[in-house]
């Protein structure tokens, strides 16, 4: 894939997988409900060509009132999605208010699902408020800044997560704001590990 990235907008074309198409469908409902969102974690690496599977797509959303959330819930149910862990809009919103996630999947399936949470931690809000726009085949997704994504994957710490981080770093090394990434790595206490891998 030929990536064009200026630190704010990332453009590329690819043959969309079934998972990509599902993600575009789901975020289309978020946008229709006027929900502020950002995609984080494993799917970002997959979007950039990393060859692996995932059971969930992680999404942070901005805090909303129940009346706004219920519109999104209605859109989900009208478009053949269901909530794996909730049986009503009220129950789902209560989970979000308690800093828990909700999981939405297409009807009659459980995976892949969309794990949706209200932004809570500092890095969550940073991802949401300084997100980058990925334009794929002229269609838009909002994703976490790569300088946050890479240290965050090191913080998660599994072999799969670190391989995700290294994949993204290898693709965008020359375009990354290394000072910003180092600052975030220090805050997440992964500076030593990332230095050991030659990333900072």
N, C-alpha and C. Protein backbone atom coordinates (compact mmCIF):
# COMPACT_ATOMS: atom_id res chain seq x y z
N UNK A 1 0.84 -1.19 0.00
CA UNK A 1 0.00 0.00 0.00
C UNK A 1 0.88 1.25 0.00
N UNK A 2 0.44 2.25 -0.71
CA UNK A 2 1.16 3.51 -0.81
C UNK A 2 0.49 4.52 0.12
N UNK A 3 1.17 4.83 1.25
CA UNK A 3 0.61 5.72 2.25
C UNK A 3 1.07 7.16 2.03
N UNK A 4 0.13 8.09 2.14
CA UNK A 4 0.46 9.51 2.12
C UNK A 4 -0.03 10.09 3.45
N UNK A 5 0.93 10.56 4.26
CA UNK A 5 0.60 10.96 5.63
C UNK A 5 1.33 12.25 5.99
N UNK A 6 0.57 13.24 6.48
CA UNK A 6 1.18 14.51 6.84
C UNK A 6 1.10 14.79 8.34
N UNK A 7 0.76 13.76 9.12
CA UNK A 7 0.62 13.94 10.56
C UNK A 7 -0.80 14.19 11.01
N UNK A 8 -1.68 14.53 10.07
CA UNK A 8 -3.09 14.79 10.38
C UNK A 8 -4.04 13.95 9.52
N UNK A 9 -3.71 13.81 8.26
CA UNK A 9 -4.54 13.03 7.33
C UNK A 9 -3.67 11.96 6.68
N UNK A 10 -4.19 10.76 6.66
CA UNK A 10 -3.47 9.62 6.10
C UNK A 10 -4.32 9.06 4.96
N UNK A 11 -3.76 9.01 3.77
CA UNK A 11 -4.50 8.55 2.60
C UNK A 11 -3.85 7.30 2.01
N UNK A 12 -4.67 6.33 1.67
CA UNK A 12 -4.18 5.15 0.96
C UNK A 12 -5.37 4.38 0.38
N UNK A 13 -5.07 3.53 -0.57
CA UNK A 13 -6.07 2.65 -1.16
C UNK A 13 -5.74 1.21 -0.82
N UNK A 14 -6.74 0.39 -0.70
CA UNK A 14 -6.54 -1.03 -0.43
C UNK A 14 -7.77 -1.80 -0.87
N UNK A 15 -7.59 -3.10 -1.05
CA UNK A 15 -8.73 -3.98 -1.27
C UNK A 15 -9.38 -4.22 0.09
N UNK A 16 -10.60 -3.78 0.25
CA UNK A 16 -11.27 -3.88 1.54
C UNK A 16 -11.61 -5.32 1.88
N UNK A 17 -11.26 -5.72 3.10
CA UNK A 17 -11.65 -7.03 3.60
C UNK A 17 -13.08 -6.96 4.13
N UNK A 18 -13.65 -8.10 4.46
CA UNK A 18 -14.99 -8.11 5.07
C UNK A 18 -14.98 -7.35 6.39
N UNK A 19 -13.86 -7.45 7.14
CA UNK A 19 -13.76 -6.73 8.39
C UNK A 19 -13.73 -5.22 8.15
N UNK A 20 -12.96 -4.78 7.16
CA UNK A 20 -12.94 -3.35 6.82
C UNK A 20 -14.35 -2.84 6.49
N UNK A 21 -15.07 -3.60 5.68
CA UNK A 21 -16.42 -3.20 5.29
C UNK A 21 -17.35 -3.10 6.50
N UNK A 22 -17.18 -4.04 7.43
CA UNK A 22 -17.99 -4.02 8.65
C UNK A 22 -17.67 -2.78 9.49
N UNK A 23 -16.40 -2.43 9.59
CA UNK A 23 -16.00 -1.25 10.35
C UNK A 23 -16.58 0.01 9.72
N UNK A 24 -16.50 0.13 8.40
CA UNK A 24 -17.09 1.30 7.74
C UNK A 24 -18.59 1.37 8.01
N UNK A 25 -19.25 0.23 8.00
CA UNK A 25 -20.69 0.21 8.25
C UNK A 25 -20.99 0.70 9.67
N UNK A 26 -20.23 0.21 10.64
CA UNK A 26 -20.49 0.56 12.03
C UNK A 26 -20.21 2.03 12.30
N UNK A 27 -19.07 2.53 11.84
CA UNK A 27 -18.76 3.94 12.11
C UNK A 27 -19.71 4.86 11.35
N UNK A 28 -20.29 4.36 10.27
CA UNK A 28 -21.32 5.13 9.59
C UNK A 28 -22.51 5.40 10.50
N UNK A 29 -22.84 4.43 11.36
CA UNK A 29 -23.93 4.61 12.31
C UNK A 29 -23.52 5.58 13.42
N UNK A 30 -22.26 5.49 13.86
CA UNK A 30 -21.77 6.46 14.84
C UNK A 30 -21.87 7.88 14.28
N UNK A 31 -21.46 8.04 13.05
CA UNK A 31 -21.48 9.37 12.42
C UNK A 31 -22.91 9.85 12.23
N UNK A 32 -23.79 8.93 11.84
CA UNK A 32 -25.19 9.31 11.67
C UNK A 32 -25.81 9.77 12.97
N UNK A 33 -25.37 9.16 14.08
CA UNK A 33 -25.86 9.55 15.40
C UNK A 33 -25.09 10.73 15.97
N UNK A 34 -24.13 11.26 15.18
CA UNK A 34 -23.31 12.41 15.58
C UNK A 34 -22.51 12.14 16.86
N UNK A 35 -21.98 10.91 16.93
CA UNK A 35 -21.15 10.52 18.06
C UNK A 35 -19.68 10.74 17.70
N UNK A 36 -18.96 11.43 18.55
CA UNK A 36 -17.52 11.60 18.36
C UNK A 36 -16.84 10.29 18.73
N UNK A 37 -15.97 9.79 17.85
CA UNK A 37 -15.37 8.48 18.09
C UNK A 37 -13.93 8.45 17.62
N UNK A 38 -13.20 7.45 18.09
CA UNK A 38 -11.86 7.17 17.59
C UNK A 38 -11.61 5.67 17.70
N UNK A 39 -11.06 5.08 16.65
CA UNK A 39 -10.70 3.67 16.66
C UNK A 39 -9.28 3.54 17.19
N UNK A 40 -9.08 2.60 18.12
CA UNK A 40 -7.77 2.40 18.72
C UNK A 40 -7.40 0.90 18.67
N UNK A 41 -6.18 0.63 19.05
CA UNK A 41 -5.68 -0.73 19.30
C UNK A 41 -5.53 -1.58 18.04
N UNK A 42 -5.83 -2.89 18.14
CA UNK A 42 -5.42 -3.86 17.13
C UNK A 42 -5.90 -3.62 15.72
N UNK A 43 -7.13 -3.13 15.55
CA UNK A 43 -7.64 -2.96 14.20
C UNK A 43 -6.84 -1.93 13.41
N UNK A 44 -6.24 -0.96 14.11
CA UNK A 44 -5.45 0.05 13.40
C UNK A 44 -4.30 -0.63 12.65
N UNK A 45 -3.61 -1.56 13.31
CA UNK A 45 -2.52 -2.29 12.64
C UNK A 45 -3.05 -3.14 11.50
N UNK A 46 -4.20 -3.76 11.70
CA UNK A 46 -4.81 -4.59 10.64
C UNK A 46 -5.18 -3.73 9.44
N UNK A 47 -5.71 -2.55 9.70
CA UNK A 47 -6.06 -1.62 8.63
C UNK A 47 -4.85 -1.31 7.76
N UNK A 48 -3.68 -1.26 8.38
CA UNK A 48 -2.44 -0.96 7.67
C UNK A 48 -1.74 -2.20 7.13
N UNK A 49 -2.47 -3.29 7.01
CA UNK A 49 -1.93 -4.46 6.34
C UNK A 49 -1.32 -5.54 7.21
N UNK A 50 -1.40 -5.37 8.53
CA UNK A 50 -0.89 -6.42 9.42
C UNK A 50 -1.75 -7.65 9.29
N UNK A 51 -1.12 -8.79 9.06
CA UNK A 51 -1.85 -10.03 8.79
C UNK A 51 -2.13 -10.77 10.09
N UNK A 52 -3.28 -10.50 10.65
CA UNK A 52 -3.74 -11.23 11.84
C UNK A 52 -5.23 -11.04 11.98
N UNK A 53 -5.84 -11.85 12.82
CA UNK A 53 -7.27 -11.75 13.05
C UNK A 53 -7.52 -10.97 14.34
N UNK A 54 -8.76 -10.57 14.53
CA UNK A 54 -9.14 -9.94 15.79
C UNK A 54 -10.59 -10.28 16.09
N UNK A 55 -10.89 -10.37 17.36
CA UNK A 55 -12.27 -10.65 17.76
C UNK A 55 -13.05 -9.37 18.02
N UNK A 56 -12.34 -8.26 18.25
CA UNK A 56 -13.05 -7.01 18.54
C UNK A 56 -12.33 -5.81 17.97
N UNK A 57 -13.10 -4.78 17.76
CA UNK A 57 -12.60 -3.49 17.29
C UNK A 57 -12.87 -2.50 18.43
N UNK A 58 -11.80 -1.90 18.95
CA UNK A 58 -11.91 -1.02 20.12
C UNK A 58 -12.18 0.42 19.69
N UNK A 59 -13.20 1.00 20.29
CA UNK A 59 -13.61 2.37 19.94
C UNK A 59 -13.91 3.16 21.21
N UNK A 60 -13.30 4.36 21.31
CA UNK A 60 -13.68 5.29 22.37
C UNK A 60 -14.65 6.31 21.79
N UNK A 61 -15.65 6.67 22.59
CA UNK A 61 -16.59 7.71 22.18
C UNK A 61 -16.59 8.81 23.22
N UNK A 62 -16.98 10.00 22.77
CA UNK A 62 -17.10 11.12 23.70
C UNK A 62 -18.33 10.95 24.58
N UNK A 63 -18.26 11.54 25.76
CA UNK A 63 -19.38 11.45 26.70
C UNK A 63 -20.61 12.13 26.11
N UNK A 64 -21.75 11.45 26.20
CA UNK A 64 -23.01 11.99 25.71
C UNK A 64 -24.10 11.76 26.75
N UNK A 65 -25.20 12.45 26.58
CA UNK A 65 -26.36 12.22 27.44
C UNK A 65 -27.12 10.99 26.94
N UNK A 66 -27.99 10.47 27.81
CA UNK A 66 -28.74 9.26 27.44
C UNK A 66 -29.59 9.49 26.19
N UNK A 67 -30.18 10.66 26.07
CA UNK A 67 -31.05 10.94 24.91
C UNK A 67 -30.28 10.80 23.60
N UNK A 68 -29.00 11.23 23.61
CA UNK A 68 -28.16 11.09 22.41
C UNK A 68 -27.77 9.64 22.19
N UNK A 69 -27.42 8.96 23.27
CA UNK A 69 -27.01 7.56 23.14
C UNK A 69 -28.17 6.71 22.65
N UNK A 70 -29.39 6.99 23.10
CA UNK A 70 -30.53 6.17 22.71
C UNK A 70 -30.78 6.23 21.21
N UNK A 71 -30.44 7.35 20.59
CA UNK A 71 -30.57 7.46 19.13
C UNK A 71 -29.60 6.50 18.44
N UNK A 72 -28.38 6.42 18.98
CA UNK A 72 -27.40 5.48 18.44
C UNK A 72 -27.86 4.04 18.65
N UNK A 73 -28.38 3.76 19.84
CA UNK A 73 -28.89 2.42 20.14
C UNK A 73 -29.99 2.04 19.15
N UNK A 74 -30.90 2.95 18.88
CA UNK A 74 -31.99 2.67 17.93
C UNK A 74 -31.44 2.40 16.53
N UNK A 75 -30.42 3.16 16.13
CA UNK A 75 -29.79 2.93 14.83
C UNK A 75 -29.17 1.53 14.75
N UNK A 76 -28.53 1.11 15.84
CA UNK A 76 -27.93 -0.22 15.87
C UNK A 76 -28.99 -1.30 15.64
N UNK A 77 -30.06 -1.22 16.42
CA UNK A 77 -31.08 -2.27 16.34
C UNK A 77 -31.81 -2.27 15.00
N UNK A 78 -31.94 -1.10 14.40
CA UNK A 78 -32.61 -1.01 13.10
C UNK A 78 -31.71 -1.47 11.95
N UNK A 79 -30.41 -1.58 12.23
CA UNK A 79 -29.46 -1.98 11.19
C UNK A 79 -28.81 -3.33 11.49
N UNK A 80 -29.59 -4.19 12.14
CA UNK A 80 -29.20 -5.59 12.37
C UNK A 80 -27.97 -5.77 13.24
N UNK A 81 -27.82 -4.91 14.24
CA UNK A 81 -26.82 -5.13 15.28
C UNK A 81 -27.54 -5.43 16.59
N UNK A 82 -26.82 -6.08 17.50
CA UNK A 82 -27.34 -6.30 18.84
C UNK A 82 -26.20 -6.11 19.83
N UNK A 83 -26.54 -5.83 21.08
CA UNK A 83 -25.53 -5.66 22.12
C UNK A 83 -25.36 -6.98 22.86
N UNK A 84 -24.16 -7.49 22.82
CA UNK A 84 -23.85 -8.80 23.39
C UNK A 84 -24.07 -8.80 24.90
N UNK A 85 -23.78 -7.67 25.56
CA UNK A 85 -23.77 -7.63 27.02
C UNK A 85 -24.86 -6.76 27.63
N UNK A 86 -25.81 -6.31 26.83
CA UNK A 86 -26.88 -5.44 27.34
C UNK A 86 -28.18 -5.78 26.63
N UNK A 87 -29.29 -5.62 27.34
CA UNK A 87 -30.58 -5.95 26.72
C UNK A 87 -31.49 -4.74 26.55
N UNK A 88 -30.95 -3.54 26.79
CA UNK A 88 -31.74 -2.33 26.58
C UNK A 88 -30.79 -1.14 26.47
N UNK A 89 -31.32 -0.03 25.95
CA UNK A 89 -30.51 1.18 25.86
C UNK A 89 -30.13 1.66 27.25
N UNK A 90 -31.06 1.54 28.20
CA UNK A 90 -30.79 1.99 29.57
C UNK A 90 -29.66 1.18 30.20
N UNK A 91 -29.70 -0.12 29.99
CA UNK A 91 -28.66 -0.99 30.55
C UNK A 91 -27.30 -0.69 29.91
N UNK A 92 -27.29 -0.51 28.61
CA UNK A 92 -26.05 -0.22 27.91
C UNK A 92 -25.45 1.10 28.38
N UNK A 93 -26.28 2.12 28.52
CA UNK A 93 -25.80 3.43 28.95
C UNK A 93 -25.28 3.37 30.38
N UNK A 94 -25.94 2.59 31.22
CA UNK A 94 -25.49 2.42 32.60
C UNK A 94 -24.10 1.81 32.63
N UNK A 95 -23.84 0.84 31.76
CA UNK A 95 -22.51 0.23 31.69
C UNK A 95 -21.46 1.28 31.30
N UNK A 96 -21.77 2.07 30.31
CA UNK A 96 -20.84 3.11 29.89
C UNK A 96 -20.57 4.12 31.01
N UNK A 97 -21.62 4.49 31.73
CA UNK A 97 -21.49 5.45 32.83
C UNK A 97 -20.60 4.89 33.94
N UNK A 98 -20.57 3.56 34.07
CA UNK A 98 -19.75 2.90 35.09
C UNK A 98 -18.35 2.59 34.58
N UNK A 99 -18.00 3.19 33.45
CA UNK A 99 -16.67 3.00 32.82
C UNK A 99 -16.46 1.57 32.34
N UNK A 100 -17.56 0.88 32.02
CA UNK A 100 -17.48 -0.43 31.41
C UNK A 100 -17.69 -0.27 29.90
N UNK A 101 -17.46 -1.32 29.18
CA UNK A 101 -17.66 -1.27 27.73
C UNK A 101 -18.99 -1.91 27.37
N UNK A 102 -19.45 -1.62 26.16
CA UNK A 102 -20.55 -2.38 25.56
C UNK A 102 -20.00 -3.01 24.29
N UNK A 103 -20.55 -4.15 23.93
CA UNK A 103 -20.09 -4.86 22.74
C UNK A 103 -21.25 -5.03 21.77
N UNK A 104 -21.05 -4.51 20.56
CA UNK A 104 -22.07 -4.59 19.53
C UNK A 104 -21.59 -5.52 18.42
N UNK A 105 -22.48 -6.39 17.97
CA UNK A 105 -22.15 -7.32 16.88
C UNK A 105 -23.34 -7.43 15.95
N UNK A 106 -23.09 -7.91 14.76
CA UNK A 106 -24.19 -8.16 13.85
C UNK A 106 -25.07 -9.27 14.41
N UNK A 107 -26.36 -9.21 14.10
CA UNK A 107 -27.29 -10.21 14.62
C UNK A 107 -26.84 -11.62 14.29
N UNK A 108 -27.06 -12.51 15.25
CA UNK A 108 -26.72 -13.94 15.12
C UNK A 108 -25.22 -14.19 15.12
N UNK A 109 -24.43 -13.20 15.50
CA UNK A 109 -22.99 -13.39 15.65
C UNK A 109 -22.54 -12.78 16.99
N UNK A 110 -21.36 -13.17 17.41
CA UNK A 110 -20.75 -12.58 18.61
C UNK A 110 -19.41 -11.94 18.24
N UNK A 111 -18.70 -12.57 17.31
CA UNK A 111 -17.43 -12.01 16.83
C UNK A 111 -17.47 -11.91 15.31
N UNK A 112 -16.80 -10.90 14.76
CA UNK A 112 -16.16 -9.82 15.50
C UNK A 112 -17.19 -8.87 16.10
N UNK A 113 -16.80 -8.20 17.17
CA UNK A 113 -17.70 -7.23 17.77
C UNK A 113 -16.97 -5.91 18.00
N UNK A 114 -17.75 -4.88 18.25
CA UNK A 114 -17.21 -3.54 18.49
C UNK A 114 -17.29 -3.27 19.98
N UNK A 115 -16.12 -3.11 20.61
CA UNK A 115 -16.07 -2.80 22.03
C UNK A 115 -16.01 -1.29 22.19
N UNK A 116 -17.10 -0.72 22.67
CA UNK A 116 -17.26 0.73 22.74
C UNK A 116 -17.21 1.19 24.20
N UNK A 117 -16.42 2.23 24.45
CA UNK A 117 -16.29 2.79 25.80
C UNK A 117 -16.31 4.32 25.74
N UNK A 118 -16.76 4.94 26.83
CA UNK A 118 -16.54 6.36 26.98
C UNK A 118 -15.05 6.58 27.24
N UNK A 119 -14.48 7.62 26.64
CA UNK A 119 -13.11 8.00 26.97
C UNK A 119 -13.04 8.30 28.46
N UNK A 120 -11.96 7.80 29.10
CA UNK A 120 -11.85 7.94 30.55
C UNK A 120 -10.47 8.43 30.97
N UNK A 121 -9.41 7.77 30.47
CA UNK A 121 -8.05 8.10 30.85
C UNK A 121 -7.52 9.25 29.99
N UNK A 122 -6.40 9.81 30.44
CA UNK A 122 -5.80 10.92 29.72
C UNK A 122 -5.48 10.55 28.27
N UNK A 123 -4.91 9.34 28.08
CA UNK A 123 -4.57 8.92 26.71
C UNK A 123 -5.82 8.66 25.88
N UNK A 124 -6.93 8.27 26.53
CA UNK A 124 -8.20 8.09 25.81
C UNK A 124 -8.65 9.43 25.21
N UNK A 125 -8.64 10.46 26.05
CA UNK A 125 -9.06 11.79 25.59
C UNK A 125 -8.09 12.35 24.55
N UNK A 126 -6.80 12.05 24.73
CA UNK A 126 -5.81 12.51 23.77
C UNK A 126 -6.07 11.87 22.41
N UNK A 127 -6.38 10.56 22.43
CA UNK A 127 -6.69 9.86 21.18
C UNK A 127 -7.93 10.44 20.52
N UNK A 128 -8.94 10.73 21.35
CA UNK A 128 -10.20 11.24 20.83
C UNK A 128 -10.07 12.66 20.29
N UNK A 129 -9.30 13.50 20.99
CA UNK A 129 -9.25 14.92 20.66
C UNK A 129 -8.13 15.29 19.69
N UNK A 130 -7.16 14.39 19.49
CA UNK A 130 -6.08 14.67 18.53
C UNK A 130 -6.02 13.56 17.48
N UNK A 131 -7.14 12.96 17.20
CA UNK A 131 -7.22 11.83 16.27
C UNK A 131 -6.78 12.24 14.86
N UNK A 132 -6.48 11.24 14.06
CA UNK A 132 -6.14 11.51 12.66
C UNK A 132 -7.21 10.92 11.76
N UNK A 133 -7.32 11.50 10.61
CA UNK A 133 -8.32 11.08 9.64
C UNK A 133 -7.65 10.16 8.63
N UNK A 134 -8.13 8.92 8.55
CA UNK A 134 -7.62 7.98 7.56
C UNK A 134 -8.61 7.93 6.40
N UNK A 135 -8.14 8.26 5.20
CA UNK A 135 -8.98 8.23 4.01
C UNK A 135 -8.58 7.00 3.20
N UNK A 136 -9.46 6.01 3.18
CA UNK A 136 -9.18 4.75 2.50
C UNK A 136 -10.16 4.62 1.33
N UNK A 137 -9.63 4.57 0.13
CA UNK A 137 -10.51 4.50 -1.05
C UNK A 137 -11.55 5.61 -1.03
N UNK A 138 -11.11 6.80 -0.55
CA UNK A 138 -11.97 7.99 -0.47
C UNK A 138 -13.05 7.90 0.60
N UNK A 139 -12.93 6.90 1.50
CA UNK A 139 -13.86 6.78 2.63
C UNK A 139 -13.10 7.05 3.91
N UNK A 140 -13.78 7.58 4.92
CA UNK A 140 -13.11 8.11 6.11
C UNK A 140 -13.28 7.21 7.34
N UNK A 141 -12.17 7.04 8.08
CA UNK A 141 -12.20 6.48 9.42
C UNK A 141 -11.39 7.41 10.32
N UNK A 142 -11.80 7.52 11.58
CA UNK A 142 -11.07 8.32 12.56
C UNK A 142 -10.30 7.36 13.45
N UNK A 143 -8.98 7.51 13.47
CA UNK A 143 -8.13 6.59 14.23
C UNK A 143 -7.23 7.34 15.20
N UNK A 144 -6.70 6.59 16.15
CA UNK A 144 -5.80 7.16 17.14
C UNK A 144 -4.51 7.65 16.51
N UNK A 145 -3.95 8.77 17.00
CA UNK A 145 -2.64 9.20 16.50
C UNK A 145 -1.61 8.08 16.66
N UNK A 146 -0.76 7.92 15.67
CA UNK A 146 0.20 6.82 15.68
C UNK A 146 1.18 6.96 16.84
N UNK A 147 1.49 8.19 17.23
CA UNK A 147 2.42 8.42 18.34
C UNK A 147 1.83 7.98 19.68
N UNK A 148 0.51 7.86 19.75
CA UNK A 148 -0.13 7.30 20.94
C UNK A 148 -0.30 5.79 20.77
N UNK A 149 -0.70 5.40 19.59
CA UNK A 149 -0.99 4.00 19.29
C UNK A 149 0.21 3.10 19.61
N UNK A 150 1.40 3.51 19.21
CA UNK A 150 2.58 2.66 19.38
C UNK A 150 2.92 2.45 20.86
N UNK A 151 3.07 3.52 21.67
CA UNK A 151 3.33 3.29 23.10
C UNK A 151 2.20 2.54 23.80
N UNK A 152 0.96 2.81 23.40
CA UNK A 152 -0.19 2.15 24.01
C UNK A 152 -0.11 0.64 23.82
N UNK A 153 0.30 0.21 22.63
CA UNK A 153 0.43 -1.22 22.37
C UNK A 153 1.55 -1.83 23.21
N UNK A 154 2.62 -1.06 23.43
CA UNK A 154 3.68 -1.54 24.33
C UNK A 154 3.16 -1.65 25.75
N UNK A 155 2.29 -0.73 26.16
CA UNK A 155 1.71 -0.78 27.50
C UNK A 155 0.87 -2.04 27.68
N UNK A 156 0.13 -2.41 26.63
CA UNK A 156 -0.66 -3.65 26.71
C UNK A 156 0.26 -4.85 26.85
N UNK A 157 1.36 -4.84 26.13
CA UNK A 157 2.47 -5.72 26.44
C UNK A 157 2.52 -7.14 25.91
N UNK A 158 1.44 -7.63 25.29
CA UNK A 158 1.50 -8.99 24.77
C UNK A 158 2.37 -9.03 23.52
N UNK A 159 2.80 -10.22 23.14
CA UNK A 159 3.61 -10.36 21.93
C UNK A 159 2.88 -9.80 20.72
N UNK A 160 1.59 -10.08 20.64
CA UNK A 160 0.76 -9.59 19.53
C UNK A 160 0.71 -8.07 19.52
N UNK A 161 0.56 -7.47 20.69
CA UNK A 161 0.49 -6.00 20.78
C UNK A 161 1.81 -5.36 20.35
N UNK A 162 2.90 -5.91 20.81
CA UNK A 162 4.21 -5.35 20.45
C UNK A 162 4.46 -5.51 18.96
N UNK A 163 4.05 -6.63 18.38
CA UNK A 163 4.20 -6.80 16.94
C UNK A 163 3.33 -5.80 16.18
N UNK A 164 2.15 -5.48 16.70
CA UNK A 164 1.30 -4.44 16.10
C UNK A 164 2.05 -3.11 16.10
N UNK A 165 2.64 -2.76 17.26
CA UNK A 165 3.37 -1.50 17.39
C UNK A 165 4.55 -1.43 16.42
N UNK A 166 5.30 -2.52 16.32
CA UNK A 166 6.46 -2.54 15.43
C UNK A 166 6.05 -2.42 13.97
N UNK A 167 4.91 -3.03 13.62
CA UNK A 167 4.38 -2.94 12.26
C UNK A 167 4.08 -1.49 11.89
N UNK A 168 3.40 -0.78 12.79
CA UNK A 168 3.04 0.62 12.53
C UNK A 168 4.30 1.48 12.47
N UNK A 169 5.23 1.24 13.40
CA UNK A 169 6.46 2.02 13.43
C UNK A 169 7.25 1.85 12.12
N UNK A 170 7.35 0.63 11.67
CA UNK A 170 8.11 0.36 10.44
C UNK A 170 7.51 1.09 9.24
N UNK A 171 6.19 1.15 9.17
CA UNK A 171 5.52 1.80 8.05
C UNK A 171 5.68 3.32 8.08
N UNK A 172 5.65 3.91 9.28
CA UNK A 172 5.55 5.37 9.38
C UNK A 172 6.72 6.01 10.12
N UNK A 173 7.79 5.30 10.30
CA UNK A 173 8.95 5.76 11.07
C UNK A 173 9.34 7.20 10.74
N UNK A 174 9.49 7.51 9.46
CA UNK A 174 10.00 8.82 9.06
C UNK A 174 8.97 9.94 9.24
N UNK A 175 7.71 9.59 9.45
CA UNK A 175 6.65 10.59 9.58
C UNK A 175 6.24 10.84 11.03
N UNK A 176 6.75 10.05 11.96
CA UNK A 176 6.32 10.14 13.35
C UNK A 176 6.95 11.32 14.06
N UNK A 177 6.17 11.91 14.99
CA UNK A 177 6.69 12.94 15.88
C UNK A 177 7.34 12.21 17.05
N UNK A 178 8.65 12.01 16.96
CA UNK A 178 9.36 11.18 17.95
C UNK A 178 9.33 11.80 19.34
N UNK A 179 9.38 13.13 19.42
CA UNK A 179 9.34 13.78 20.74
C UNK A 179 8.00 13.52 21.42
N UNK A 180 6.92 13.63 20.66
CA UNK A 180 5.59 13.36 21.20
C UNK A 180 5.47 11.90 21.63
N UNK A 181 5.97 10.99 20.80
CA UNK A 181 5.89 9.57 21.11
C UNK A 181 6.70 9.24 22.36
N UNK A 182 7.87 9.86 22.50
CA UNK A 182 8.72 9.63 23.67
C UNK A 182 8.03 10.13 24.94
N UNK A 183 7.37 11.29 24.84
CA UNK A 183 6.66 11.84 25.99
C UNK A 183 5.53 10.91 26.43
N UNK A 184 4.79 10.39 25.47
CA UNK A 184 3.69 9.48 25.80
C UNK A 184 4.23 8.17 26.36
N UNK A 185 5.31 7.67 25.77
CA UNK A 185 5.94 6.44 26.27
C UNK A 185 6.38 6.62 27.71
N UNK A 186 6.94 7.79 28.03
CA UNK A 186 7.37 8.06 29.41
C UNK A 186 6.17 8.07 30.35
N UNK A 187 5.08 8.70 29.92
CA UNK A 187 3.87 8.74 30.74
C UNK A 187 3.27 7.37 30.98
N UNK A 188 3.38 6.50 29.99
CA UNK A 188 2.84 5.13 30.11
C UNK A 188 3.85 4.16 30.72
N UNK A 189 5.06 4.68 31.04
CA UNK A 189 6.12 3.88 31.66
C UNK A 189 6.57 2.72 30.76
N UNK A 190 6.67 3.01 29.46
CA UNK A 190 7.16 1.99 28.52
C UNK A 190 8.39 2.51 27.76
N UNK A 191 8.97 3.60 28.25
CA UNK A 191 10.10 4.22 27.57
C UNK A 191 11.28 3.25 27.45
N UNK A 192 11.58 2.53 28.53
CA UNK A 192 12.71 1.60 28.52
C UNK A 192 12.51 0.48 27.50
N UNK A 193 11.30 -0.09 27.49
CA UNK A 193 11.01 -1.19 26.58
C UNK A 193 11.06 -0.73 25.12
N UNK A 194 10.53 0.45 24.84
CA UNK A 194 10.56 0.96 23.47
C UNK A 194 11.98 1.31 23.03
N UNK A 195 12.79 1.79 23.97
CA UNK A 195 14.20 2.06 23.67
C UNK A 195 14.92 0.77 23.35
N UNK A 196 14.62 -0.28 24.08
CA UNK A 196 15.24 -1.57 23.84
C UNK A 196 14.95 -2.09 22.45
N UNK A 197 13.77 -1.76 21.92
CA UNK A 197 13.37 -2.17 20.57
C UNK A 197 13.82 -1.17 19.50
N UNK A 198 14.52 -0.10 19.92
CA UNK A 198 15.04 0.86 18.97
C UNK A 198 14.03 1.83 18.42
N UNK A 199 12.92 2.05 19.13
CA UNK A 199 11.87 2.93 18.62
C UNK A 199 12.07 4.37 19.07
N UNK A 200 12.70 4.57 20.20
CA UNK A 200 12.94 5.94 20.70
C UNK A 200 14.37 6.00 21.25
